[in-house]
Amino acid sequence: MDNIYLPKLMTISEIVDETWDIKTFKLSPADNADDTRIEFRAGQFGVFSIFGQGEAPFGMANSPTRNEFIECSIKRAGKVTRAFHELNVGDTVGFRGPYGNGFPIEEL
């Protein structure tokens, strides 16, 4: 069983500049990951870590049906978000989650 307190390693596979202060990061499980799927529901969030800088919660922006990666859009505002904006494709971050109940899309 995985330790829920240890982050899973994720590699930044794409960065999109949405505006001057918002970037969308596409994160894929690191090459040595045992399981490459990320199961989550719409409305859930994860805690993303930049090692040596800190961590912060962000919502997943992509559809849960595309579970081979996570996308999150991050506005540069504080220490951790500024550190995120300085990362490059190929860099590694940590991910814990998903957390929260999400939305029952199947029932709508």
Protein backbone atom coordinates (compact mmCIF):
# COMPACT_ATOMS: atom_id res chain seq x y z
CA MET A 1 0.00 0.00 0.00
CA ASP A 2 1.26 3.48 -0.87
CA ASN A 3 2.07 5.93 1.91
CA ILE A 4 -0.47 8.74 1.46
CA TYR A 5 1.96 11.23 3.00
CA LEU A 6 4.69 10.67 0.40
CA PRO A 7 4.28 12.51 -2.90
CA LYS A 8 4.30 10.64 -6.21
CA LEU A 9 6.93 11.95 -8.58
CA MET A 10 5.53 13.69 -11.65
CA THR A 11 7.41 15.04 -14.66
CA ILE A 12 6.37 18.25 -16.39
CA SER A 13 5.67 17.20 -19.97
CA GLU A 14 4.20 20.47 -21.28
CA ILE A 15 3.80 24.10 -20.19
CA VAL A 16 1.32 26.49 -21.80
CA ASP A 17 1.47 30.25 -21.14
CA GLU A 18 -2.22 31.13 -20.82
CA THR A 19 -1.66 34.78 -19.80
CA TRP A 20 1.29 36.78 -18.46
CA ASP A 21 0.71 35.35 -14.96
CA ILE A 22 -1.10 32.02 -15.55
CA LYS A 23 0.52 28.84 -16.84
CA THR A 24 -1.01 25.42 -17.40
CA PHE A 25 1.25 22.51 -16.49
CA LYS A 26 0.78 19.02 -17.90
CA LEU A 27 2.22 16.48 -15.45
CA SER A 28 2.84 12.82 -16.19
CA PRO A 29 3.97 10.10 -13.77
CA ALA A 30 7.76 9.87 -13.60
CA ASP A 31 9.42 7.31 -15.85
CA ASN A 32 9.98 4.88 -13.00
CA ALA A 33 6.36 4.96 -11.79
CA ASP A 34 4.71 1.57 -11.25
CA ASP A 35 1.25 2.82 -12.16
CA THR A 36 0.95 5.47 -14.84
CA ARG A 37 -2.78 6.19 -14.34
CA ILE A 38 -4.06 8.95 -12.08
CA GLU A 39 -7.60 8.21 -10.92
CA PHE A 40 -9.63 11.25 -9.87
CA ARG A 41 -13.13 12.74 -10.13
CA ALA A 42 -14.12 16.15 -11.46
CA GLY A 43 -13.81 18.72 -8.67
CA GLN A 44 -11.06 16.97 -6.74
CA PHE A 45 -7.69 18.57 -6.04
CA GLY A 46 -4.12 17.56 -5.34
CA VAL A 47 -1.25 18.92 -3.29
CA PHE A 48 1.71 19.72 -5.52
CA SER A 49 5.24 20.00 -4.13
CA ILE A 50 8.29 21.79 -5.40
CA PHE A 51 11.08 20.21 -3.43
CA GLY A 52 12.95 22.80 -1.37
CA GLN A 53 10.28 25.46 -1.99
CA GLY A 54 7.03 24.18 -0.49
CA GLU A 55 3.69 22.79 -1.55
CA ALA A 56 0.23 24.09 -2.42
CA PRO A 57 -3.18 22.65 -3.38
CA PHE A 58 -4.46 23.01 -6.95
CA GLY A 59 -7.49 21.63 -8.76
CA MET A 60 -7.04 19.32 -11.71
CA ALA A 61 -8.07 21.07 -14.94
CA ASN A 62 -8.29 18.08 -17.29
CA SER A 63 -11.06 15.51 -17.68
CA PRO A 64 -10.85 12.47 -15.37
CA THR A 65 -11.30 10.29 -18.45
CA ARG A 66 -7.81 11.37 -19.56
CA ASN A 67 -6.11 9.75 -16.60
CA GLU A 68 -2.62 9.31 -18.04
CA PHE A 69 -1.71 12.87 -16.96
CA ILE A 70 -2.83 15.79 -14.80
CA GLU A 71 -3.20 19.37 -15.96
CA CYS A 72 -3.37 22.29 -13.56
CA SER A 73 -3.47 26.01 -14.25
CA ILE A 74 -1.47 28.07 -11.79
CA LYS A 75 -1.56 31.84 -11.30
CA ARG A 76 1.71 33.36 -10.13
CA ALA A 77 0.89 34.91 -6.76
CA GLY A 78 3.15 33.71 -3.93
CA LYS A 79 6.35 31.81 -3.15
CA VAL A 80 5.25 28.36 -4.37
CA THR A 81 3.39 29.59 -7.43
CA ARG A 82 6.37 31.75 -8.42
CA ALA A 83 8.61 28.69 -8.08
CA PHE A 84 6.20 26.73 -10.30
CA HIS A 85 6.42 29.43 -12.96
CA GLU A 86 10.22 29.05 -13.02
CA LEU A 87 10.07 25.29 -13.78
CA ASN A 88 10.74 23.83 -17.22
CA VAL A 89 9.59 20.82 -19.23
CA GLY A 90 11.36 17.76 -17.84
CA ASP A 91 11.49 19.03 -14.24
CA THR A 92 10.06 16.87 -11.45
CA VAL A 93 7.42 17.85 -8.88
CA GLY A 94 5.57 15.90 -6.21
CA PHE A 95 1.85 15.09 -6.19
CA ARG A 96 -0.34 13.89 -3.32
CA GLY A 97 -4.00 13.18 -3.81
CA PRO A 98 -6.55 13.31 -5.13
CA TYR A 99 -8.42 14.84 -2.21
CA GLY A 100 -12.02 16.00 -1.81
CA ASN A 101 -15.27 14.34 -2.79
CA GLY A 102 -15.51 15.66 -6.33
CA PHE A 103 -18.75 16.03 -8.26
CA PRO A 104 -21.08 13.11 -9.13
CA ILE A 105 -20.98 13.80 -12.89
CA GLU A 106 -22.37 10.32 -13.63
CA GLU A 107 -25.54 11.18 -11.69
CA LEU A 108 -26.26 14.50 -13.41
